[in-house]
Amino acid sequence: SKREIKMRKLDNTKVRPLKSEQLLRIEDHDFALRPGFGGSPIPVGIDVQVESIDSISEVDMDFTMTLYLRHYWKDERLSFRSNKNKSMTFDGRLIKKIWVPDVFFVHSKRSFIHDTTVENVMLRVYPDGNVLFSLRITVSAMCFMDFSRFPLDTQNCSLELESYAYNEDDLMLYWKHGNKSLSTDEHISLSQFFIEEFSASSGLAFYSSTGWYNRLFINFALRRHIFFFVLQSYFPAMLMVMLSWVSFWIDRRAVPARVSLGITTVLTMSTIMTGVSASMPQVSYIKAVDVYLWISFLFVFLSVIEYAAVNYLTTIEERKQLKKKGKASGMYSIDAVQAMAFDGCFHDTDVDMDLTGFSDLCEENETRAGAASVSNVDTPRIKRKRSLKGNVGRIILQNNHVIDTYSRIIFPSVYIVFNFFYWGLYI
């Protein structure tokens, strides 16, 4: 009646539909149901444009990607008349009032639709009912990484798309343009990886309680930059191993020098290994970098053990010589190792323990009866130092142990062979 019509006009609680909604006849249909409900599955095409790969985390085993996700389907309930056959474009306000595919990211940890300055959602409807639905999304998803060849590894990751509610009987998910459905920005780059390839594929996923679902895959391969790890791990480890070989050229009786050098290189290698492990997940298998660092650590450790063997054998030889020659009286009966403990200087038996030098020293002291006792003590020490300066090369050669001689050849040779096989195996 006229009275009821007038009352409806005066009722402010009623919200009048928008002009676009009137044109699409949204109020005339139930959009809680999918298009063609009860019939054949509705085909939904997908294409993706990857804007950027923001980060790759080895510790969390995931990656973060920003992309444009576009859906294509046909809903005849949204068809409208158009004299010029032009489409209509809407923002996100209309999405909640119509049916859209419920695509989600499998194995995703976090994801969000960008909303600056407004929500990055676009809906385009064509007169025949074809729909384009586009989103700008950032998603973090799992990537099952294998670090057995780290840092000489190549990681294969994938972002998987699937309908959450509709199985293959209701919705058929497919790549809209085949292999060309996946496009990437030309300027995508990562600090630690080369992006070798992007590819699109599809398959099926089965759930025991709900059935089979169509699943789409965005596959990409990442090859790690090796130069950073060469500078931070491999090159310092090489230097520490070569530095440990310096002890083979230091006199066997210079105990503080050789022990300090060995302990320093061992501690430095431990620091390098700890730094590499701190930035990696605690996996139960051995990585390629672990193989290199542990073998390098073994070389450094063996150089310390080598000197322990040299020092022990040297002590045994000196004791045998003392037993043969007999014990001499006075301070010159002290062997070279004990004498070094007193004044901190190297003592060679041919230089310091020569009794002829001692007799010359006594004659010189008799002619200088008026000299002070302090100068008498300093004079033989000065002579000893001068004689050492002139015969350093001869002393080192004469006091070189046979183990040091072989070590100078064996250690570098074996380490070069190890590097040859290591880089040949992993590269």
Protein backbone atom coordinates (compact mmCIF):
# COMPACT_ATOMS: atom_id res chain seq x y z
CA SER A 1 0.00 0.00 0.00
CA LYS A 2 1.01 3.63 -0.27
CA ARG A 3 1.28 3.87 3.50
CA GLU A 4 3.81 0.97 3.68
CA ILE A 5 5.88 2.52 0.90
CA LYS A 6 5.94 5.82 2.76
CA MET A 7 7.01 4.09 5.99
CA ARG A 8 9.92 2.38 4.20
CA LYS A 9 11.17 5.72 2.91
CA LEU A 10 11.11 7.17 6.42
CA ASP A 11 12.96 4.17 7.91
CA ASN A 12 16.63 5.28 8.20
CA THR A 13 17.82 1.86 9.38
CA LYS A 14 17.51 0.47 5.88
CA VAL A 15 20.70 0.87 3.86
CA ARG A 16 20.10 1.41 0.21
CA PRO A 17 22.28 -0.75 -2.07
CA LEU A 18 24.96 0.98 -4.08
CA LYS A 19 24.43 1.63 -7.74
CA SER A 20 27.08 -0.96 -8.66
CA GLU A 21 25.34 -3.55 -6.51
CA GLN A 22 22.05 -2.81 -8.21
CA LEU A 23 23.71 -3.23 -11.60
CA LEU A 24 25.27 -6.57 -10.61
CA ARG A 25 22.01 -7.69 -8.91
CA ILE A 26 23.85 -8.79 -5.80
CA GLU A 27 20.69 -8.71 -3.70
CA ASP A 28 19.02 -11.21 -6.03
CA HIS A 29 21.48 -14.07 -5.46
CA ASP A 30 22.96 -16.09 -2.62
CA PHE A 31 26.70 -15.66 -2.97
CA ALA A 32 27.42 -18.01 -0.10
CA LEU A 33 27.23 -20.75 -2.74
CA ARG A 34 29.84 -21.18 -5.43
CA PRO A 35 28.94 -20.57 -9.08
CA GLY A 36 27.23 -23.58 -10.61
CA PHE A 37 26.61 -25.15 -7.21
CA GLY A 38 25.67 -28.82 -7.54
CA GLY A 39 27.13 -29.14 -11.02
CA SER A 40 30.60 -29.57 -12.46
CA PRO A 41 33.55 -28.02 -10.62
CA ILE A 42 34.17 -24.36 -11.34
CA PRO A 43 37.53 -23.70 -13.05
CA VAL A 44 39.60 -21.01 -11.36
CA GLY A 45 42.69 -19.81 -13.23
CA ILE A 46 45.70 -18.41 -11.38
CA ASP A 47 48.62 -16.29 -12.45
CA VAL A 48 51.33 -14.82 -10.26
CA GLN A 49 53.81 -11.99 -10.63
CA VAL A 50 56.64 -12.17 -8.10
CA GLU A 51 57.64 -8.68 -7.01
CA SER A 52 60.48 -9.59 -4.67
CA ILE A 53 62.02 -12.29 -2.49
CA ASP A 54 62.60 -10.37 0.70
CA SER A 55 64.64 -12.80 2.76
CA ILE A 56 65.89 -16.36 3.09
CA SER A 57 66.43 -17.66 6.63
CA GLU A 58 68.55 -20.77 7.14
CA VAL A 59 67.93 -20.79 10.89
CA ASP A 60 64.12 -20.76 10.54
CA MET A 61 64.17 -22.63 7.21
CA ASP A 62 61.74 -20.25 5.52
CA PHE A 63 61.55 -17.51 2.90
CA THR A 64 59.53 -14.32 2.53
CA MET A 65 58.07 -13.35 -0.83
CA THR A 66 55.93 -10.44 -2.06
CA LEU A 67 53.73 -11.19 -5.06
CA TYR A 68 50.64 -10.23 -7.04
CA LEU A 69 48.11 -13.08 -6.94
CA ARG A 70 45.39 -12.98 -9.60
CA HIS A 71 42.31 -15.22 -9.85
CA TYR A 72 40.16 -15.74 -12.94
CA TRP A 73 36.72 -17.38 -12.94
CA LYS A 74 33.24 -16.92 -14.38
CA ASP A 75 30.16 -16.18 -12.29
CA GLU A 76 27.08 -15.66 -14.46
CA ARG A 77 25.26 -14.16 -11.49
CA LEU A 78 27.47 -11.06 -11.89
CA SER A 79 26.80 -10.56 -15.62
CA PHE A 80 25.31 -7.22 -16.63
CA ARG A 81 24.27 -5.31 -19.68
CA SER A 82 26.79 -3.00 -21.27
CA ASN A 83 26.37 -1.18 -24.57
CA LYS A 84 30.12 -0.62 -24.92
CA ASN A 85 31.11 -4.04 -23.51
CA LYS A 86 33.30 -2.43 -20.88
CA SER A 87 34.24 -4.00 -17.59
CA MET A 88 33.69 -2.51 -14.15
CA THR A 89 36.47 -2.24 -11.58
CA PHE A 90 35.91 -2.21 -7.81
CA ASP A 91 38.02 -2.08 -4.68
CA GLY A 92 37.94 -4.37 -1.66
CA ARG A 93 34.56 -3.23 -0.32
CA LEU A 94 32.66 -5.44 -2.76
CA ILE A 95 34.68 -8.60 -2.03
CA LYS A 96 32.77 -9.44 1.15
CA LYS A 97 29.43 -9.46 -0.71
CA ILE A 98 30.23 -11.90 -3.53
CA TRP A 99 31.78 -15.35 -3.84
CA VAL A 100 35.57 -15.49 -4.29
CA PRO A 101 37.91 -18.53 -4.32
CA ASP A 102 39.32 -19.45 -0.90
CA VAL A 103 42.91 -19.96 -2.03
CA PHE A 104 45.50 -20.24 0.75
CA PHE A 105 49.25 -20.84 0.96
CA VAL A 106 50.26 -24.30 2.12
CA HIS A 107 53.05 -24.39 4.77
CA SER A 108 52.81 -20.63 5.25
CA LYS A 109 53.87 -19.18 8.60
CA ARG A 110 52.79 -15.56 8.17
CA SER A 111 51.03 -13.67 5.41
CA PHE A 112 49.19 -10.40 4.96
CA ILE A 113 47.53 -8.27 2.30
CA HIS A 114 49.15 -4.86 1.93
CA ASP A 115 46.90 -2.06 3.13
CA THR A 116 48.88 1.13 2.54
CA THR A 117 47.36 3.52 1.73
CA VAL A 118 44.29 1.39 1.21
CA GLU A 119 43.86 -2.37 1.00
CA ASN A 120 45.64 -3.61 -2.13
CA VAL A 121 42.68 -5.49 -3.59
CA MET A 122 41.16 -5.15 -7.03
CA LEU A 123 38.01 -6.72 -8.49
CA ARG A 124 37.15 -6.41 -12.17
CA VAL A 125 33.86 -7.74 -13.54
CA TYR A 126 33.12 -8.17 -17.27
CA PRO A 127 29.64 -8.06 -18.83
CA ASP A 128 29.60 -11.81 -19.52
CA GLY A 129 30.31 -12.61 -15.84
CA ASN A 130 34.06 -13.20 -16.06
CA VAL A 131 35.85 -11.96 -12.95
CA LEU A 132 39.42 -10.89 -12.25
CA PHE A 133 40.38 -10.76 -8.57
CA SER A 134 43.88 -9.44 -7.74
CA LEU A 135 45.75 -9.19 -4.42
CA ARG A 136 49.17 -7.91 -3.36
CA ILE A 137 50.42 -10.27 -0.67
CA THR A 138 53.57 -10.85 1.38
CA VAL A 139 53.90 -14.41 2.61
CA SER A 140 56.48 -16.28 4.68
CA ALA A 141 56.49 -20.01 4.00
CA MET A 142 58.57 -23.03 4.92
CA CYS A 143 61.38 -24.21 2.71
CA PHE A 144 62.76 -27.66 3.46
CA MET A 145 66.49 -27.01 3.08
CA ASP A 146 69.34 -29.49 2.85
CA PHE A 147 72.59 -28.14 4.31
CA SER A 148 74.79 -31.17 3.63
CA ARG A 149 76.68 -29.13 0.96
CA PHE A 150 76.55 -25.77 2.79
CA PRO A 151 77.87 -23.23 1.78
CA LEU A 152 78.33 -24.78 -1.66
CA ASP A 153 74.65 -25.70 -1.81
CA THR A 154 71.66 -25.04 -4.05
CA GLN A 155 68.27 -24.81 -2.34
CA ASN A 156 64.98 -25.67 -4.06
CA CYS A 157 61.99 -23.94 -2.51
CA SER A 158 58.34 -23.77 -3.50
CA LEU A 159 55.26 -21.75 -2.62
CA GLU A 160 52.12 -23.89 -2.80
CA LEU A 161 48.57 -22.66 -3.46
CA GLU A 162 45.42 -24.64 -2.74
CA SER A 163 41.73 -24.18 -2.04
CA TYR A 164 40.90 -24.66 1.61
CA ALA A 165 37.21 -25.66 1.48
CA TYR A 166 36.55 -26.87 -2.07
CA ASN A 167 38.04 -30.14 -3.22
CA GLU A 168 38.41 -31.19 -6.85
CA ASP A 169 34.69 -32.01 -7.09
CA ASP A 170 33.81 -28.34 -6.54
CA LEU A 171 36.79 -26.29 -7.70
CA MET A 172 39.46 -26.92 -10.33
CA LEU A 173 42.55 -24.81 -9.72
CA TYR A 174 44.90 -24.40 -12.69
CA TRP A 175 47.53 -22.07 -14.14
CA LYS A 176 45.75 -19.57 -16.36
CA HIS A 177 48.43 -19.30 -19.06
CA GLY A 178 50.39 -22.50 -18.51
CA ASN A 179 54.12 -21.97 -17.91
CA LYS A 180 53.73 -18.27 -18.73
CA SER A 181 51.43 -17.80 -15.75
CA LEU A 182 54.45 -17.13 -13.52
CA SER A 183 56.37 -13.91 -14.14
CA THR A 184 59.08 -12.20 -12.10
CA ASP A 185 60.55 -8.75 -11.74
CA GLU A 186 63.83 -8.39 -13.63
CA HIS A 187 65.51 -6.65 -10.68
CA ILE A 188 64.99 -9.41 -8.12
CA SER A 189 68.28 -10.10 -6.32
CA LEU A 190 69.42 -11.53 -3.00
CA SER A 191 72.53 -10.86 -0.93
CA GLN A 192 73.55 -14.51 -0.50
CA PHE A 193 71.91 -16.27 -3.44
CA PHE A 194 71.69 -16.37 -7.20
CA ILE A 195 68.13 -17.03 -8.40
CA GLU A 196 68.69 -19.70 -11.01
CA GLU A 197 65.12 -20.32 -12.22
CA PHE A 198 61.41 -19.87 -11.58
CA SER A 199 58.91 -22.47 -12.75
CA ALA A 200 55.23 -23.28 -12.31
CA SER A 201 53.80 -26.76 -11.80
CA SER A 202 50.61 -28.38 -10.53
CA GLY A 203 49.54 -31.53 -8.75
CA LEU A 204 47.06 -33.07 -6.36
CA ALA A 205 47.03 -33.23 -2.58
CA PHE A 206 45.10 -35.84 -0.63
CA TYR A 207 43.61 -35.46 2.84
CA SER A 208 42.08 -38.54 4.41
CA SER A 209 39.08 -36.70 5.83
CA THR A 210 38.17 -34.37 2.94
CA GLY A 211 39.54 -35.90 -0.29
CA TRP A 212 41.66 -34.68 -3.21
CA TYR A 213 42.53 -31.02 -3.84
CA ASN A 214 44.19 -29.26 -6.76
CA ARG A 215 47.52 -27.71 -5.78
CA LEU A 216 49.70 -25.23 -7.66
CA PHE A 217 53.45 -24.84 -7.10
CA ILE A 218 55.74 -21.82 -7.56
CA ASN A 219 59.18 -23.41 -7.73
CA PHE A 220 62.49 -21.54 -7.60
CA ALA A 221 66.11 -22.63 -7.22
CA LEU A 222 68.64 -20.61 -5.21
CA ARG A 223 72.41 -21.06 -5.54
CA ARG A 224 74.46 -19.58 -2.73
CA HIS A 225 77.20 -16.99 -3.22
CA ILE A 226 80.45 -18.65 -2.15
CA PHE A 227 82.71 -15.57 -2.05
CA PHE A 228 81.36 -14.32 1.30
CA PHE A 229 82.13 -17.64 3.00
CA VAL A 230 85.54 -17.84 1.37
CA LEU A 231 86.45 -14.53 3.01
CA GLN A 232 84.80 -15.25 6.37
CA SER A 233 85.54 -18.95 6.90
CA TYR A 234 87.70 -20.75 4.34
CA PHE A 235 90.47 -18.18 3.88
CA PRO A 236 91.02 -17.57 7.65
CA ALA A 237 91.08 -21.34 8.21
CA MET A 238 93.75 -21.72 5.49
CA LEU A 239 95.85 -18.98 7.07
CA MET A 240 95.63 -20.58 10.52
CA VAL A 241 96.75 -23.94 9.14
CA MET A 242 99.70 -22.36 7.31
CA LEU A 243 100.56 -20.31 10.40
CA SER A 244 100.78 -23.51 12.44
CA TRP A 245 103.46 -24.76 10.04
CA VAL A 246 105.75 -21.89 11.07
CA SER A 247 106.57 -23.83 14.25
CA PHE A 248 108.37 -26.44 12.11
CA TRP A 249 111.02 -23.78 11.30
CA ILE A 250 111.39 -22.60 14.91
CA ASP A 251 114.13 -24.26 16.92
CA ARG A 252 112.96 -27.29 18.81
CA ARG A 253 114.27 -25.93 22.14
CA ALA A 254 112.28 -22.67 21.89
CA VAL A 255 109.47 -24.12 23.97
CA PRO A 256 107.52 -20.88 24.72
CA ALA A 257 107.52 -19.80 21.06
CA ARG A 258 106.32 -23.08 19.62
CA VAL A 259 103.74 -23.81 22.34
CA SER A 260 102.29 -20.28 22.18
CA LEU A 261 102.00 -20.44 18.41
CA GLY A 262 100.27 -23.83 18.55
CA ILE A 263 97.76 -22.83 21.24
CA THR A 264 96.96 -19.53 19.47
CA THR A 265 96.16 -21.24 16.18
CA VAL A 266 94.03 -23.88 17.93
CA LEU A 267 91.97 -21.23 19.74
CA THR A 268 91.55 -19.17 16.57
CA MET A 269 90.25 -22.20 14.67
CA SER A 270 87.80 -22.88 17.50
CA THR A 271 86.52 -19.29 17.22
CA ILE A 272 86.00 -19.62 13.46
CA MET A 273 84.08 -22.87 13.88
CA THR A 274 81.89 -21.39 16.63
CA GLY A 275 81.05 -18.36 14.50
CA VAL A 276 79.95 -20.51 11.55
CA SER A 277 77.82 -22.79 13.75
CA ALA A 278 76.08 -19.87 15.47
CA SER A 279 74.48 -18.70 12.20
CA MET A 280 73.25 -22.16 11.18
CA PRO A 281 70.39 -24.39 12.36
CA GLN A 282 71.35 -27.23 14.66
CA VAL A 283 71.07 -30.04 12.13
CA SER A 284 72.03 -33.61 12.94
CA TYR A 285 74.16 -34.21 9.84
CA ILE A 286 77.58 -32.93 8.78
CA LYS A 287 77.79 -29.92 6.48
CA ALA A 288 80.48 -29.33 3.87
CA VAL A 289 81.89 -26.39 5.82
CA ASP A 290 82.13 -28.61 8.92
CA VAL A 291 84.26 -31.09 6.99
CA TYR A 292 86.68 -28.36 5.91
CA LEU A 293 86.91 -26.62 9.29
CA TRP A 294 87.29 -29.82 11.30
CA ILE A 295 90.04 -31.17 9.06
CA SER A 296 91.78 -27.76 9.20
CA PHE A 297 91.44 -27.89 12.98
CA LEU A 298 92.96 -31.39 12.90
CA PHE A 299 96.00 -30.09 10.98
CA VAL A 300 96.50 -27.32 13.55
CA PHE A 301 96.08 -29.76 16.43
CA LEU A 302 98.53 -32.22 14.90
CA SER A 303 101.15 -29.47 14.61
CA VAL A 304 100.95 -29.06 18.39
CA ILE A 305 101.16 -32.82 18.91
CA GLU A 306 104.12 -32.88 16.50
CA TYR A 307 106.08 -30.51 18.72
CA ALA A 308 105.14 -32.51 21.81
CA ALA A 309 106.73 -35.55 20.14
CA VAL A 310 109.80 -33.53 19.08
CA ASN A 311 110.30 -32.11 22.56
CA TYR A 312 109.93 -35.52 24.19
CA LEU A 313 112.39 -37.22 21.82
CA THR A 314 114.84 -34.32 22.21
CA THR A 315 114.80 -34.72 26.00
CA ILE A 316 115.48 -38.45 25.69
CA GLU A 317 118.41 -37.85 23.30
CA GLU A 318 120.02 -35.29 25.62
CA ARG A 319 119.74 -37.59 28.58
CA LYS A 320 121.48 -40.35 26.63
CA GLN A 321 124.27 -37.96 25.62
CA LEU A 322 124.76 -36.85 29.21
CA LYS A 323 125.06 -40.44 30.35
CA LYS A 324 127.75 -41.08 27.72
CA LYS A 325 129.81 -37.94 28.41
CA GLY A 326 129.36 -38.02 32.16
CA LYS A 327 128.32 -35.21 34.38
CA ALA A 328 130.55 -32.15 34.35
CA SER A 329 130.89 -29.94 37.43
CA GLY A 330 129.77 -26.32 37.79
CA MET A 331 127.01 -24.32 36.12
CA TYR A 332 128.12 -25.54 32.66
CA SER A 333 126.98 -29.02 33.56
CA ILE A 334 123.41 -27.76 33.13
CA ASP A 335 121.96 -28.84 29.81
CA ALA A 336 120.62 -26.38 27.24
CA VAL A 337 116.99 -26.72 28.21
CA GLN A 338 117.67 -26.03 31.88
CA ALA A 339 119.97 -23.12 31.08
CA MET A 340 117.29 -21.56 28.95
CA ALA A 341 114.93 -21.68 31.89
CA PHE A 342 117.33 -19.47 33.87
CA ASP A 343 117.98 -16.59 31.44
CA GLY A 344 115.31 -17.04 28.74
CA CYS A 345 117.89 -17.32 25.93
CA PHE A 346 118.62 -20.16 23.57
CA HIS A 347 121.68 -22.21 24.50
CA ASP A 348 123.52 -24.46 22.14
CA THR A 349 125.92 -27.03 23.52
CA ASP A 350 128.57 -26.16 20.91
CA VAL A 351 128.50 -22.47 21.84
CA ASP A 352 127.68 -22.16 25.50
CA MET A 353 128.96 -25.43 26.88
CA ASP A 354 132.42 -25.24 25.34
CA LEU A 355 134.99 -25.43 28.14
CA THR A 356 137.58 -23.71 25.91
CA GLY A 357 135.43 -20.63 25.91
CA PHE A 358 135.27 -20.96 29.66
CA SER A 359 139.12 -21.03 29.99
CA ASP A 360 139.46 -17.97 27.73
CA LEU A 361 136.94 -16.22 29.86
CA CYS A 362 138.90 -17.02 33.00
CA GLU A 363 142.19 -15.66 31.54
CA GLU A 364 140.45 -12.50 30.50
CA ASN A 365 139.00 -12.07 33.95
CA GLU A 366 142.46 -12.48 35.56
CA THR A 367 143.88 -9.64 33.44
CA ARG A 368 140.99 -7.45 34.55
CA ALA A 369 141.31 -7.83 38.28
CA GLY A 370 140.26 -4.24 38.90
CA ALA A 371 136.98 -4.52 36.98
CA ALA A 372 133.70 -4.72 38.86
CA SER A 373 132.01 -8.06 39.46
CA VAL A 374 128.93 -6.92 37.49
CA SER A 375 130.94 -6.45 34.31
CA ASN A 376 132.48 -9.91 34.80
CA VAL A 377 129.02 -11.44 34.72
CA ASP A 378 127.81 -9.42 31.69
CA THR A 379 130.86 -10.07 29.49
CA PRO A 380 130.25 -13.80 28.76
CA ARG A 381 126.56 -13.12 28.15
CA ILE A 382 127.38 -10.43 25.56
CA LYS A 383 129.83 -12.76 23.85
CA ARG A 384 127.29 -15.53 23.84
CA LYS A 385 124.72 -13.28 22.15
CA ARG A 386 127.22 -12.14 19.52
CA SER A 387 128.21 -15.70 18.74
CA LEU A 388 124.55 -16.66 18.39
CA LYS A 389 123.83 -13.81 15.96
CA GLY A 390 126.58 -14.97 13.67
CA ASN A 391 125.62 -18.63 13.75
CA VAL A 392 121.79 -18.61 13.85
CA GLY A 393 121.44 -20.52 10.59
CA ARG A 394 124.02 -23.13 11.61
CA ILE A 395 122.45 -23.56 15.04
CA ILE A 396 118.94 -24.06 13.63
CA LEU A 397 120.17 -26.63 11.12
CA GLN A 398 122.24 -28.51 13.68
CA ASN A 399 119.39 -28.53 16.20
CA ASN A 400 116.70 -29.46 13.72
CA HIS A 401 114.90 -32.70 14.57
CA VAL A 402 114.16 -35.26 11.90
CA ILE A 403 110.40 -35.06 12.67
CA ASP A 404 110.42 -31.32 11.89
CA THR A 405 112.20 -32.01 8.61
CA TYR A 406 109.54 -34.48 7.48
CA SER A 407 106.70 -32.32 8.81
CA ARG A 408 107.77 -29.40 6.62
CA ILE A 409 107.05 -31.58 3.59
CA ILE A 410 104.24 -33.88 4.72
CA PHE A 411 101.87 -31.32 6.30
CA PRO A 412 101.69 -28.90 3.30
CA SER A 413 101.52 -31.77 0.81
CA VAL A 414 98.63 -33.53 2.53
CA TYR A 415 96.74 -30.25 3.02
CA ILE A 416 97.08 -29.38 -0.68
CA VAL A 417 95.78 -32.83 -1.64
CA PHE A 418 92.85 -32.42 0.77
CA ASN A 419 91.92 -29.03 -0.75
CA PHE A 420 92.11 -30.49 -4.23
CA PHE A 421 89.67 -33.30 -3.41
CA TYR A 422 87.39 -31.07 -1.32
CA TRP A 423 86.81 -28.38 -3.94
CA GLY A 424 86.62 -31.00 -6.69
CA LEU A 425 83.91 -32.90 -4.79
CA TYR A 426 81.64 -30.00 -3.80
CA ILE A 427 81.96 -27.60 -6.72
